[in-house]
């Protein structure tokens, strides 16, 4: 297994780092709150090919691997970028796997930003889909209803959900899901399998974004304790500070490696993909939570002030993964998948 970025992947990282650096600084992130969507940033991402790269070449895309997308997601997380990149990429890849698309659905519209399609990562129930990522700003969403996979037009169906991470989440009303605004993409075991694969990809890319978030939050915290003084000494000289930050740095490195392995396994070792995806998200969520806690804590009272960027990371570290599952729920999924794998061997 070789997950070190190739020269081409390093160029990809540099390109998106520059784009986010220009358009997703702390002030831009604050300006996009509370809705959590920067339309200008999204247009630039689309123009750069951020959605198109996720599609296979047979569907007119760039044929990027999931590892390629994970490397971009790391940069997305480093800047807590207010744009629904992960959801749009995952939904586009799911639609590209279908043999036949519903009438009026064109992958080129997704690739070029004419349509924004998201994925409801939680199966729907009781006539609605809850906490659908980007549903507050998307045109439609892929939703699993029982054993049917639907493409649901969102106009007039959404109720935005206020949340700690300022994400464009919304609940979606599916009471009339059999009307013309809900196209059936697949049914039965095929629908369930397509949805499960897409959610695992969402787990991997969200894990990668959380790793980038944690790494940047740690950098902010380290920079602060190198300058801030207490009792006549630089704060970072105290062992109680330095050792805790060092522990978090080791965890960030481990979470990054695990997320990249999960992305690599999606194509290289698909039999391990689901287990690694759950493990990567759970550990990345824990790591981001702990790294942002330490970084904000060592800011003292300043950490809670809106003028300081660390609070942007602290809040999103807790919100991103919670859209689907807590770390504890993720670890239970890992255990269930590992147990199921042993039972079949």
C-alpha atoms as a PDB file:
ATOM      1  CA  UNK A   1       0.000   0.000   0.000  1.00  0.00           C
ATOM      2  CA  UNK A   2       1.432   3.353  -1.080  1.00  0.00           C
ATOM      3  CA  UNK A   3      -0.629   6.356   0.008  1.00  0.00           C
ATOM      4  CA  UNK A   4       2.089   8.982  -0.252  1.00  0.00           C
ATOM      5  CA  UNK A   5       0.872  11.610  -2.747  1.00  0.00           C
ATOM      6  CA  UNK A   6       2.321  11.295  -6.225  1.00  0.00           C
ATOM      7  CA  UNK A   7       3.725  14.323  -8.022  1.00  0.00           C
ATOM      8  CA  UNK A   8       0.408  14.786  -9.795  1.00  0.00           C
ATOM      9  CA  UNK A   9      -1.465  14.553  -6.503  1.00  0.00           C
ATOM     10  CA  UNK A  10       0.869  17.088  -4.903  1.00  0.00           C
ATOM     11  CA  UNK A  11       0.004  19.476  -7.712  1.00  0.00           C
ATOM     12  CA  UNK A  12      -3.681  18.805  -7.053  1.00  0.00           C
ATOM     13  CA  UNK A  13      -3.206  19.588  -3.356  1.00  0.00           C
ATOM     14  CA  UNK A  14      -1.325  22.787  -4.166  1.00  0.00           C
ATOM     15  CA  UNK A  15      -3.997  23.956  -6.605  1.00  0.00           C
ATOM     16  CA  UNK A  16      -6.851  23.559  -4.144  1.00  0.00           C
ATOM     17  CA  UNK A  17      -4.795  24.924  -1.257  1.00  0.00           C
ATOM     18  CA  UNK A  18      -4.260  28.089  -3.295  1.00  0.00           C
ATOM     19  CA  UNK A  19      -7.929  28.323  -4.267  1.00  0.00           C
ATOM     20  CA  UNK A  20      -9.138  27.929  -0.701  1.00  0.00           C
ATOM     21  CA  UNK A  21      -6.439  30.251   0.552  1.00  0.00           C
ATOM     22  CA  UNK A  22      -7.743  32.978  -1.739  1.00  0.00           C
ATOM     23  CA  UNK A  23     -11.474  32.449  -1.269  1.00  0.00           C
ATOM     24  CA  UNK A  24     -12.060  30.695   2.062  1.00  0.00           C
ATOM     25  CA  UNK A  25     -10.174  32.666   4.672  1.00  0.00           C
ATOM     26  CA  UNK A  26     -11.696  33.166   8.131  1.00  0.00           C
ATOM     27  CA  UNK A  27     -13.480  36.363   7.098  1.00  0.00           C
ATOM     28  CA  UNK A  28     -15.142  34.617   4.147  1.00  0.00           C
ATOM     29  CA  UNK A  29     -16.205  31.734   6.383  1.00  0.00           C
ATOM     30  CA  UNK A  30     -17.732  34.144   8.897  1.00  0.00           C
ATOM     31  CA  UNK A  31     -19.509  36.053   6.131  1.00  0.00           C
ATOM     32  CA  UNK A  32     -21.171  32.834   4.957  1.00  0.00           C
ATOM     33  CA  UNK A  33     -22.696  32.181   8.380  1.00  0.00           C
ATOM     34  CA  UNK A  34     -25.251  31.194   9.477  1.00  0.00           C
ATOM     35  CA  UNK A  35     -26.333  29.593   6.211  1.00  0.00           C
ATOM     36  CA  UNK A  36     -22.942  28.035   5.605  1.00  0.00           C
ATOM     37  CA  UNK A  37     -22.857  28.456   1.831  1.00  0.00           C
ATOM     38  CA  UNK A  38     -20.656  30.812  -0.182  1.00  0.00           C
ATOM     39  CA  UNK A  39     -22.104  30.894  -3.691  1.00  0.00           C
ATOM     40  CA  UNK A  40     -19.010  32.589  -5.110  1.00  0.00           C
ATOM     41  CA  UNK A  41     -16.700  29.916  -3.694  1.00  0.00           C
ATOM     42  CA  UNK A  42     -18.988  27.199  -5.012  1.00  0.00           C
ATOM     43  CA  UNK A  43     -18.922  28.678  -8.523  1.00  0.00           C
ATOM     44  CA  UNK A  44     -15.118  28.747  -8.455  1.00  0.00           C
ATOM     45  CA  UNK A  45     -14.931  25.154  -7.224  1.00  0.00           C
ATOM     46  CA  UNK A  46     -17.198  24.029 -10.036  1.00  0.00           C
ATOM     47  CA  UNK A  47     -15.240  26.039 -12.600  1.00  0.00           C
ATOM     48  CA  UNK A  48     -12.034  24.434 -11.342  1.00  0.00           C
ATOM     49  CA  UNK A  49     -13.543  20.991 -11.975  1.00  0.00           C
ATOM     50  CA  UNK A  50     -14.137  19.942  -8.382  1.00  0.00           C
ATOM     51  CA  UNK A  51     -17.324  18.031  -9.245  1.00  0.00           C
ATOM     52  CA  UNK A  52     -16.293  17.015 -12.743  1.00  0.00           C
ATOM     53  CA  UNK A  53     -13.142  15.331 -11.409  1.00  0.00           C
ATOM     54  CA  UNK A  54     -15.275  13.020  -9.258  1.00  0.00           C
ATOM     55  CA  UNK A  55     -17.034  11.529 -12.301  1.00  0.00           C
ATOM     56  CA  UNK A  56     -15.506   8.626 -14.238  1.00  0.00           C
ATOM     57  CA  UNK A  57     -14.094   9.318 -17.672  1.00  0.00           C
ATOM     58  CA  UNK A  58     -16.898   7.226 -19.210  1.00  0.00           C
ATOM     59  CA  UNK A  59     -19.346   9.783 -17.795  1.00  0.00           C
ATOM     60  CA  UNK A  60     -17.381  12.770 -19.092  1.00  0.00           C
ATOM     61  CA  UNK A  61     -15.406  13.381 -15.913  1.00  0.00           C
ATOM     62  CA  UNK A  62     -11.741  13.337 -14.975  1.00  0.00           C
ATOM     63  CA  UNK A  63     -11.834   9.877 -13.396  1.00  0.00           C
ATOM     64  CA  UNK A  64     -10.296  10.889 -10.073  1.00  0.00           C
ATOM     65  CA  UNK A  65      -9.838   8.145  -7.494  1.00  0.00           C
ATOM     66  CA  UNK A  66     -11.407   8.385  -4.054  1.00  0.00           C
ATOM     67  CA  UNK A  67      -7.897   9.018  -2.713  1.00  0.00           C
ATOM     68  CA  UNK A  68      -7.579  12.011  -5.058  1.00  0.00           C
ATOM     69  CA  UNK A  69     -10.854  13.361  -3.708  1.00  0.00           C
ATOM     70  CA  UNK A  70      -9.733  12.733  -0.117  1.00  0.00           C
ATOM     71  CA  UNK A  71      -6.620  14.845  -0.669  1.00  0.00           C
ATOM     72  CA  UNK A  72      -8.834  17.690  -1.910  1.00  0.00           C
ATOM     73  CA  UNK A  73     -11.175  17.173   1.056  1.00  0.00           C
ATOM     74  CA  UNK A  74      -8.226  17.662   3.426  1.00  0.00           C
ATOM     75  CA  UNK A  75      -7.714  21.133   1.980  1.00  0.00           C
ATOM     76  CA  UNK A  76     -11.460  21.763   2.188  1.00  0.00           C
ATOM     77  CA  UNK A  77     -11.315  20.957   5.893  1.00  0.00           C
ATOM     78  CA  UNK A  78      -8.212  23.037   6.554  1.00  0.00           C
ATOM     79  CA  UNK A  79     -10.200  26.093   5.527  1.00  0.00           C
ATOM     80  CA  UNK A  80     -13.607  24.930   6.901  1.00  0.00           C
ATOM     81  CA  UNK A  81     -14.815  25.946   3.464  1.00  0.00           C
ATOM     82  CA  UNK A  82     -18.518  26.923   3.263  1.00  0.00           C
ATOM     83  CA  UNK A  83     -19.423  24.877   0.183  1.00  0.00           C
ATOM     84  CA  UNK A  84     -21.059  21.430  -0.203  1.00  0.00           C
ATOM     85  CA  UNK A  85     -18.158  19.782  -2.011  1.00  0.00           C
ATOM     86  CA  UNK A  86     -18.253  16.320  -0.405  1.00  0.00           C
ATOM     87  CA  UNK A  87     -21.998  15.846  -0.845  1.00  0.00           C
ATOM     88  CA  UNK A  88     -21.953  16.979  -4.477  1.00  0.00           C
ATOM     89  CA  UNK A  89     -19.039  14.708  -5.370  1.00  0.00           C
ATOM     90  CA  UNK A  90     -20.554  11.657  -3.692  1.00  0.00           C
ATOM     91  CA  UNK A  91     -23.989  12.212  -5.247  1.00  0.00           C
ATOM     92  CA  UNK A  92     -22.446  12.660  -8.701  1.00  0.00           C
ATOM     93  CA  UNK A  93     -20.471   9.423  -8.354  1.00  0.00           C
ATOM     94  CA  UNK A  94     -23.596   7.537  -7.275  1.00  0.00           C
ATOM     95  CA  UNK A  95     -25.588   8.783 -10.262  1.00  0.00           C
ATOM     96  CA  UNK A  96     -22.721   7.861 -12.577  1.00  0.00           C
ATOM     97  CA  UNK A  97     -22.943   4.240 -11.388  1.00  0.00           C
ATOM     98  CA  UNK A  98     -26.518   3.899 -12.596  1.00  0.00           C
ATOM     99  CA  UNK A  99     -27.057   2.181 -15.886  1.00  0.00           C
ATOM    100  CA  UNK A 100     -29.822   4.571 -16.919  1.00  0.00           C
ATOM    101  CA  UNK A 101     -30.585   8.044 -15.579  1.00  0.00           C
ATOM    102  CA  UNK A 102     -34.123   9.383 -15.188  1.00  0.00           C
ATOM    103  CA  UNK A 103     -35.460  11.652 -17.897  1.00  0.00           C
ATOM    104  CA  UNK A 104     -34.148  15.179 -17.502  1.00  0.00           C
ATOM    105  CA  UNK A 105     -31.131  14.201 -15.378  1.00  0.00           C
ATOM    106  CA  UNK A 106     -27.798  15.011 -17.015  1.00  0.00           C
ATOM    107  CA  UNK A 107     -24.435  14.435 -15.351  1.00  0.00           C
ATOM    108  CA  UNK A 108     -23.035  17.356 -17.327  1.00  0.00           C
ATOM    109  CA  UNK A 109     -25.411  19.648 -15.413  1.00  0.00           C
ATOM    110  CA  UNK A 110     -23.870  18.441 -12.151  1.00  0.00           C
ATOM    111  CA  UNK A 111     -20.321  18.679 -13.431  1.00  0.00           C
ATOM    112  CA  UNK A 112     -20.766  22.255 -14.663  1.00  0.00           C
ATOM    113  CA  UNK A 113     -22.745  23.522 -11.684  1.00  0.00           C
ATOM    114  CA  UNK A 114     -26.087  23.957 -13.418  1.00  0.00           C
ATOM    115  CA  UNK A 115     -27.582  21.590 -10.842  1.00  0.00           C
ATOM    116  CA  UNK A 116     -26.485  20.979  -7.256  1.00  0.00           C
ATOM    117  CA  UNK A 117     -27.368  17.485  -6.103  1.00  0.00           C
ATOM    118  CA  UNK A 118     -26.780  16.265  -2.571  1.00  0.00           C
ATOM    119  CA  UNK A 119     -27.082  12.940  -0.743  1.00  0.00           C
ATOM    120  CA  UNK A 120     -29.314  12.226   2.250  1.00  0.00           C
ATOM    121  CA  UNK A 121     -26.829  10.189   4.269  1.00  0.00           C
ATOM    122  CA  UNK A 122     -29.526   8.913   6.639  1.00  0.00           C
ATOM    123  CA  UNK A 123     -32.262   6.599   5.292  1.00  0.00           C
ATOM    124  CA  UNK A 124     -35.616   8.349   5.347  1.00  0.00           C
ATOM    125  CA  UNK A 125     -38.449   7.441   7.670  1.00  0.00           C
ATOM    126  CA  UNK A 126     -41.945   8.588   8.638  1.00  0.00           C
ATOM    127  CA  UNK A 127     -42.335  10.621   5.469  1.00  0.00           C
ATOM    128  CA  UNK A 128     -39.219  12.742   5.793  1.00  0.00           C
ATOM    129  CA  UNK A 129     -35.422  12.656   5.489  1.00  0.00           C
ATOM    130  CA  UNK A 130     -33.637  14.321   8.387  1.00  0.00           C
ATOM    131  CA  UNK A 131     -30.465  16.424   8.457  1.00  0.00           C
ATOM    132  CA  UNK A 132     -29.825  16.198   4.737  1.00  0.00           C
ATOM    133  CA  UNK A 133     -26.432  17.776   3.958  1.00  0.00           C
ATOM    134  CA  UNK A 134     -26.641  20.871   1.734  1.00  0.00           C
ATOM    135  CA  UNK A 135     -30.406  20.426   1.279  1.00  0.00           C
ATOM    136  CA  UNK A 136     -30.945  24.081   2.219  1.00  0.00           C
ATOM    137  CA  UNK A 137     -29.084  25.156  -0.936  1.00  0.00           C
ATOM    138  CA  UNK A 138     -29.281  22.132  -3.282  1.00  0.00           C
ATOM    139  CA  UNK A 139     -31.683  21.603  -6.178  1.00  0.00           C
ATOM    140  CA  UNK A 140     -32.276  17.925  -5.474  1.00  0.00           C
ATOM    141  CA  UNK A 141     -31.046  15.058  -3.337  1.00  0.00           C
ATOM    142  CA  UNK A 142     -30.617  11.319  -3.579  1.00  0.00           C
ATOM    143  CA  UNK A 143     -32.690   9.681  -0.811  1.00  0.00           C
ATOM    144  CA  UNK A 144     -33.167   6.054   0.238  1.00  0.00           C
ATOM    145  CA  UNK A 145     -36.832   5.350   1.055  1.00  0.00           C
ATOM    146  CA  UNK A 146     -37.200   1.779   2.211  1.00  0.00           C
ATOM    147  CA  UNK A 147     -35.656  -0.209  -0.630  1.00  0.00           C
ATOM    148  CA  UNK A 148     -36.101   2.497  -3.249  1.00  0.00           C
ATOM    149  CA  UNK A 149     -33.476   5.037  -4.174  1.00  0.00           C
ATOM    150  CA  UNK A 150     -35.088   8.318  -5.211  1.00  0.00           C
ATOM    151  CA  UNK A 151     -33.924  11.575  -6.751  1.00  0.00           C
ATOM    152  CA  UNK A 152     -36.051  14.186  -5.015  1.00  0.00           C
ATOM    153  CA  UNK A 153     -36.568  17.750  -6.191  1.00  0.00           C
ATOM    154  CA  UNK A 154     -36.143  19.894  -3.089  1.00  0.00           C
ATOM    155  CA  UNK A 155     -38.079  23.030  -3.996  1.00  0.00           C
ATOM    156  CA  UNK A 156     -40.855  23.531  -1.458  1.00  0.00           C
ATOM    157  CA  UNK A 157     -39.853  20.477   0.578  1.00  0.00           C
ATOM    158  CA  UNK A 158     -37.096  21.701   2.860  1.00  0.00           C
ATOM    159  CA  UNK A 159     -37.030  23.042   6.397  1.00  0.00           C
ATOM    160  CA  UNK A 160     -33.543  24.397   7.200  1.00  0.00           C
ATOM    161  CA  UNK A 161     -32.062  23.195  10.478  1.00  0.00           C
ATOM    162  CA  UNK A 162     -30.005  25.593  12.596  1.00  0.00           C
ATOM    163  CA  UNK A 163     -26.863  23.914  13.828  1.00  0.00           C
ATOM    164  CA  UNK A 164     -23.599  24.520  15.660  1.00  0.00           C
ATOM    165  CA  UNK A 165     -21.475  24.102  12.546  1.00  0.00           C
ATOM    166  CA  UNK A 166     -23.417  26.584  10.388  1.00  0.00           C
ATOM    167  CA  UNK A 167     -24.041  23.859   7.799  1.00  0.00           C
ATOM    168  CA  UNK A 168     -26.780  24.225   5.158  1.00  0.00           C
ATOM    169  CA  UNK A 169     -28.688  21.270   6.629  1.00  0.00           C
ATOM    170  CA  UNK A 170     -32.394  20.766   6.096  1.00  0.00           C
ATOM    171  CA  UNK A 171     -35.115  18.239   6.784  1.00  0.00           C
ATOM    172  CA  UNK A 172     -36.871  17.114   3.610  1.00  0.00           C
ATOM    173  CA  UNK A 173     -40.601  16.367   3.404  1.00  0.00           C
ATOM    174  CA  UNK A 174     -41.270  13.168   1.461  1.00  0.00           C
ATOM    175  CA  UNK A 175     -44.971  12.854   2.141  1.00  0.00           C
ATOM    176  CA  UNK A 176     -45.759  12.886  -1.602  1.00  0.00           C
ATOM    177  CA  UNK A 177     -42.657  11.020  -2.700  1.00  0.00           C
ATOM    178  CA  UNK A 178     -44.537   9.154  -5.443  1.00  0.00           C
ATOM    179  CA  UNK A 179     -45.271  12.259  -7.481  1.00  0.00           C
ATOM    180  CA  UNK A 180     -43.403  13.398 -10.580  1.00  0.00           C
ATOM    181  CA  UNK A 181     -40.826  15.275  -8.486  1.00  0.00           C
ATOM    182  CA  UNK A 182     -39.407  12.006  -7.096  1.00  0.00           C
ATOM    183  CA  UNK A 183     -37.690   9.888  -9.747  1.00  0.00           C
ATOM    184  CA  UNK A 184     -36.917   6.261  -8.911  1.00  0.00           C
ATOM    185  CA  UNK A 185     -33.211   5.555  -9.481  1.00  0.00           C
ATOM    186  CA  UNK A 186     -33.086   1.940  -8.314  1.00  0.00           C
ATOM    187  CA  UNK A 187     -35.077  -0.550  -6.275  1.00  0.00           C
ATOM    188  CA  UNK A 188     -34.460  -3.555  -4.052  1.00  0.00           C
ATOM    189  CA  UNK A 189     -30.991  -4.819  -3.119  1.00  0.00           C
ATOM    190  CA  UNK A 190     -29.379  -2.739  -5.863  1.00  0.00           C
ATOM    191  CA  UNK A 191     -30.761   0.469  -4.349  1.00  0.00           C
ATOM    192  CA  UNK A 192     -29.620  -0.471  -0.844  1.00  0.00           C
ATOM    193  CA  UNK A 193     -26.124  -1.379  -2.095  1.00  0.00           C
ATOM    194  CA  UNK A 194     -25.743   1.826  -4.108  1.00  0.00           C
ATOM    195  CA  UNK A 195     -26.776   3.893  -1.111  1.00  0.00           C
ATOM    196  CA  UNK A 196     -24.433   2.037   1.269  1.00  0.00           C
ATOM    197  CA  UNK A 197     -21.454   2.556  -1.051  1.00  0.00           C
ATOM    198  CA  UNK A 198     -22.238   6.260  -1.424  1.00  0.00           C
ATOM    199  CA  UNK A 199     -22.538   6.770   2.337  1.00  0.00           C
ATOM    200  CA  UNK A 200     -19.208   5.003   2.850  1.00  0.00           C
ATOM    201  CA  UNK A 201     -17.628   7.398   0.354  1.00  0.00           C
ATOM    202  CA  UNK A 202     -19.187  10.275   2.298  1.00  0.00           C
ATOM    203  CA  UNK A 203     -17.655   8.836   5.477  1.00  0.00           C
ATOM    204  CA  UNK A 204     -14.194   8.680   3.892  1.00  0.00           C
ATOM    205  CA  UNK A 205     -14.265  12.190   2.434  1.00  0.00           C
ATOM    206  CA  UNK A 206     -15.730  13.693   5.605  1.00  0.00           C
ATOM    207  CA  UNK A 207     -13.004  11.928   7.595  1.00  0.00           C
ATOM    208  CA  UNK A 208     -10.373  13.461   5.313  1.00  0.00           C
ATOM    209  CA  UNK A 209     -11.945  16.910   5.717  1.00  0.00           C
ATOM    210  CA  UNK A 210     -11.937  16.495   9.510  1.00  0.00           C
ATOM    211  CA  UNK A 211      -8.247  15.586   9.365  1.00  0.00           C
ATOM    212  CA  UNK A 212      -7.511  18.798   7.503  1.00  0.00           C
ATOM    213  CA  UNK A 213      -9.632  20.731  10.000  1.00  0.00           C
ATOM    214  CA  UNK A 214      -7.788  19.172  12.954  1.00  0.00           C
ATOM    215  CA  UNK A 215      -4.365  19.806  11.433  1.00  0.00           C
ATOM    216  CA  UNK A 216      -5.091  23.476  10.817  1.00  0.00           C
ATOM    217  CA  UNK A 217      -6.657  23.966  14.270  1.00  0.00           C
ATOM    218  CA  UNK A 218      -3.535  22.493  15.819  1.00  0.00           C
ATOM    219  CA  UNK A 219      -1.353  24.882  13.815  1.00  0.00           C
ATOM    220  CA  UNK A 220      -3.437  27.807  15.066  1.00  0.00           C
ATOM    221  CA  UNK A 221      -3.109  26.581  18.649  1.00  0.00           C
ATOM    222  CA  UNK A 222       0.642  26.026  18.415  1.00  0.00           C
ATOM    223  CA  UNK A 223       1.188  29.465  16.891  1.00  0.00           C
ATOM    224  CA  UNK A 224      -0.783  31.052  19.728  1.00  0.00           C
ATOM    225  CA  UNK A 225       1.089  29.327  22.583  1.00  0.00           C
ATOM    226  CA  UNK A 226       4.392  30.331  20.996  1.00  0.00           C
ATOM    227  CA  UNK A 227       3.439  33.992  21.397  1.00  0.00           C
ATOM    228  CA  UNK A 228       1.205  34.151  24.465  1.00  0.00           C
ATOM    229  CA  UNK A 229       2.979  34.620  27.804  1.00  0.00           C
ATOM    230  CA  UNK A 230       1.908  33.641  31.315  1.00  0.00           C
ATOM    231  CA  UNK A 231       3.880  34.152  34.536  1.00  0.00           C
ATOM    232  CA  UNK A 232       6.696  35.657  32.490  1.00  0.00           C
ATOM    233  CA  UNK A 233       7.103  32.618  30.231  1.00  0.00           C
ATOM    234  CA  UNK A 234       5.873  31.693  26.779  1.00  0.00           C
ATOM    235  CA  UNK A 235       2.813  29.489  27.251  1.00  0.00           C
ATOM    236  CA  UNK A 236       4.186  26.725  25.053  1.00  0.00           C
ATOM    237  CA  UNK A 237       7.129  26.189  27.416  1.00  0.00           C
ATOM    238  CA  UNK A 238       4.869  24.650  30.047  1.00  0.00           C
ATOM    239  CA  UNK A 239       4.895  20.862  29.854  1.00  0.00           C
ATOM    240  CA  UNK A 240       1.167  20.664  30.520  1.00  0.00           C
ATOM    241  CA  UNK A 241       0.666  22.600  27.288  1.00  0.00           C
ATOM    242  CA  UNK A 242       3.435  21.210  25.092  1.00  0.00           C
ATOM    243  CA  UNK A 243       2.792  17.549  25.887  1.00  0.00           C
ATOM    244  CA  UNK A 244      -0.922  17.764  25.215  1.00  0.00           C
ATOM    245  CA  UNK A 245      -0.391  19.466  21.887  1.00  0.00           C
ATOM    246  CA  UNK A 246       2.229  16.855  20.976  1.00  0.00           C
ATOM    247  CA  UNK A 247      -0.279  14.078  21.723  1.00  0.00           C
ATOM    248  CA  UNK A 248      -2.856  15.733  19.503  1.00  0.00           C
ATOM    249  CA  UNK A 249      -0.291  16.088  16.691  1.00  0.00           C
ATOM    250  CA  UNK A 250       0.384  12.336  16.787  1.00  0.00           C
ATOM    251  CA  UNK A 251      -3.344  11.646  16.639  1.00  0.00           C
ATOM    252  CA  UNK A 252      -3.792  13.964  13.658  1.00  0.00           C
ATOM    253  CA  UNK A 253      -1.057  12.118  11.758  1.00  0.00           C
ATOM    254  CA  UNK A 254      -2.704   8.792  12.552  1.00  0.00           C
ATOM    255  CA  UNK A 255      -6.161   9.987  11.533  1.00  0.00           C
ATOM    256  CA  UNK A 256      -4.805  11.299   8.236  1.00  0.00           C
ATOM    257  CA  UNK A 257      -3.108   7.991   7.441  1.00  0.00           C
ATOM    258  CA  UNK A 258      -6.259   6.050   8.298  1.00  0.00           C
ATOM    259  CA  UNK A 259      -8.483   8.281   6.151  1.00  0.00           C
ATOM    260  CA  UNK A 260      -6.115   7.943   3.218  1.00  0.00           C
ATOM    261  CA  UNK A 261      -5.970   4.172   3.672  1.00  0.00           C
ATOM    262  CA  UNK A 262      -9.772   4.035   3.677  1.00  0.00           C
ATOM    263  CA  UNK A 263      -9.846   6.034   0.435  1.00  0.00           C
ATOM    264  CA  UNK A 264      -7.206   3.790  -1.127  1.00  0.00           C
ATOM    265  CA  UNK A 265      -9.031   0.611  -0.043  1.00  0.00           C
ATOM    266  CA  UNK A 266     -12.245   1.670  -1.791  1.00  0.00           C
ATOM    267  CA  UNK A 267     -10.641   0.588  -5.053  1.00  0.00           C
ATOM    268  CA  UNK A 268      -7.688  -1.580  -4.018  1.00  0.00           C
ATOM    269  CA  UNK A 269      -9.340  -3.710  -1.297  1.00  0.00           C
ATOM    270  CA  UNK A 270     -13.110  -3.203  -1.577  1.00  0.00           C
ATOM    271  CA  UNK A 271     -13.815  -6.026   0.878  1.00  0.00           C
ATOM    272  CA  UNK A 272     -12.315  -3.814   3.638  1.00  0.00           C
ATOM    273  CA  UNK A 273     -13.812  -0.537   2.402  1.00  0.00           C
ATOM    274  CA  UNK A 274     -16.898  -0.335   4.609  1.00  0.00           C
ATOM    275  CA  UNK A 275     -15.044  -1.210   7.801  1.00  0.00           C
ATOM    276  CA  UNK A 276     -12.217   1.221   7.104  1.00  0.00           C
ATOM    277  CA  UNK A 277     -14.652   3.996   6.154  1.00  0.00           C
ATOM    278  CA  UNK A 278     -16.466   3.710   9.487  1.00  0.00           C
ATOM    279  CA  UNK A 279     -13.191   3.496  11.387  1.00  0.00           C
ATOM    280  CA  UNK A 280     -11.724   6.506   9.576  1.00  0.00           C
ATOM    281  CA  UNK A 281     -14.727   8.742  10.272  1.00  0.00           C
ATOM    282  CA  UNK A 282     -14.978   7.752  13.927  1.00  0.00           C
ATOM    283  CA  UNK A 283     -11.293   8.337  14.612  1.00  0.00           C
ATOM    284  CA  UNK A 284     -11.113  11.546  12.575  1.00  0.00           C
ATOM    285  CA  UNK A 285     -14.160  12.921  14.413  1.00  0.00           C
ATOM    286  CA  UNK A 286     -12.576  12.144  17.790  1.00  0.00           C
ATOM    287  CA  UNK A 287      -9.260  13.599  16.689  1.00  0.00           C
ATOM    288  CA  UNK A 288     -10.801  16.822  15.377  1.00  0.00           C
ATOM    289  CA  UNK A 289     -12.887  17.177  18.533  1.00  0.00           C
ATOM    290  CA  UNK A 290      -9.858  16.775  20.816  1.00  0.00           C
ATOM    291  CA  UNK A 291      -7.463  18.882  18.724  1.00  0.00           C
ATOM    292  CA  UNK A 292      -9.884  21.802  18.545  1.00  0.00           C
ATOM    293  CA  UNK A 293     -10.648  21.496  22.257  1.00  0.00           C
ATOM    294  CA  UNK A 294      -6.970  21.822  23.166  1.00  0.00           C
ATOM    295  CA  UNK A 295      -6.320  24.619  20.686  1.00  0.00           C
ATOM    296  CA  UNK A 296      -9.318  26.627  21.886  1.00  0.00           C
ATOM    297  CA  UNK A 297      -8.620  25.892  25.565  1.00  0.00           C
ATOM    298  CA  UNK A 298      -5.074  27.236  25.341  1.00  0.00           C
ATOM    299  CA  UNK A 299      -6.438  30.459  23.871  1.00  0.00           C
ATOM    300  CA  UNK A 300      -8.173  31.030  27.194  1.00  0.00           C
ATOM    301  CA  UNK A 301     -11.181  33.320  26.994  1.00  0.00           C
ATOM    302  CA  UNK A 302     -10.057  34.591  23.589  1.00  0.00           C
ATOM    303  CA  UNK A 303     -10.907  31.201  22.101  1.00  0.00           C
ATOM    304  CA  UNK A 304     -14.630  31.884  22.441  1.00  0.00           C
ATOM    305  CA  UNK A 305     -14.486  35.319  20.820  1.00  0.00           C
ATOM    306  CA  UNK A 306     -15.818  35.494  17.266  1.00  0.00           C
ATOM    307  CA  UNK A 307     -12.785  37.525  16.189  1.00  0.00           C
ATOM    308  CA  UNK A 308     -10.522  34.510  16.719  1.00  0.00           C
ATOM    309  CA  UNK A 309     -10.653  31.817  14.009  1.00  0.00           C
ATOM    310  CA  UNK A 310     -10.214  28.843  16.336  1.00  0.00           C
ATOM    311  CA  UNK A 311     -13.912  28.881  17.281  1.00  0.00           C
ATOM    312  CA  UNK A 312     -14.790  28.323  13.615  1.00  0.00           C
ATOM    313  CA  UNK A 313     -12.905  25.023  13.779  1.00  0.00           C
ATOM    314  CA  UNK A 314     -14.128  24.056  17.236  1.00  0.00           C
ATOM    315  CA  UNK A 315     -17.781  24.252  16.214  1.00  0.00           C
ATOM    316  CA  UNK A 316     -17.442  22.463  12.899  1.00  0.00           C
ATOM    317  CA  UNK A 317     -15.337  19.680  14.386  1.00  0.00           C
ATOM    318  CA  UNK A 318     -18.407  18.673  16.382  1.00  0.00           C
ATOM    319  CA  UNK A 319     -21.002  19.197  13.654  1.00  0.00           C
ATOM    320  CA  UNK A 320     -19.602  17.600  10.513  1.00  0.00           C
ATOM    321  CA  UNK A 321     -19.577  13.944  11.580  1.00  0.00           C
ATOM    322  CA  UNK A 322     -22.732  14.318  13.696  1.00  0.00           C
ATOM    323  CA  UNK A 323     -24.723  14.738  10.487  1.00  0.00           C
ATOM    324  CA  UNK A 324     -24.509  10.934  10.259  1.00  0.00           C
ATOM    325  CA  UNK A 325     -23.177   9.358  13.459  1.00  0.00           C
ATOM    326  CA  UNK A 326     -21.184   9.946  16.626  1.00  0.00           C
ATOM    327  CA  UNK A 327     -17.727   8.383  17.057  1.00  0.00           C
ATOM    328  CA  UNK A 328     -19.260   5.827  19.438  1.00  0.00           C
ATOM    329  CA  UNK A 329     -21.822   4.829  16.809  1.00  0.00           C
ATOM    330  CA  UNK A 330     -19.059   4.626  14.236  1.00  0.00           C
ATOM    331  CA  UNK A 331     -16.993   2.283  16.387  1.00  0.00           C
ATOM    332  CA  UNK A 332     -20.037   0.078  16.955  1.00  0.00           C
ATOM    333  CA  UNK A 333     -20.424  -0.128  13.195  1.00  0.00           C
ATOM    334  CA  UNK A 334     -16.777  -1.148  12.868  1.00  0.00           C
ATOM    335  CA  UNK A 335     -17.322  -3.902  15.428  1.00  0.00           C
ATOM    336  CA  UNK A 336     -20.467  -5.117  13.658  1.00  0.00           C
ATOM    337  CA  UNK A 337     -18.729  -5.195  10.273  1.00  0.00           C
ATOM    338  CA  UNK A 338     -15.684  -6.957  11.694  1.00  0.00           C
ATOM    339  CA  UNK A 339     -17.914  -9.539  13.374  1.00  0.00           C
ATOM    340  CA  UNK A 340     -19.885 -10.092  10.183  1.00  0.00           C
ATOM    341  CA  UNK A 341     -16.643 -10.546   8.249  1.00  0.00           C
ATOM    342  CA  UNK A 342     -15.375 -13.205  10.636  1.00  0.00           C
ATOM    343  CA  UNK A 343     -18.706 -15.032  10.489  1.00  0.00           C
ATOM    344  CA  UNK A 344     -18.464 -15.387   6.713  1.00  0.00           C
ATOM    345  CA  UNK A 345     -14.897 -16.673   6.713  1.00  0.00           C
END
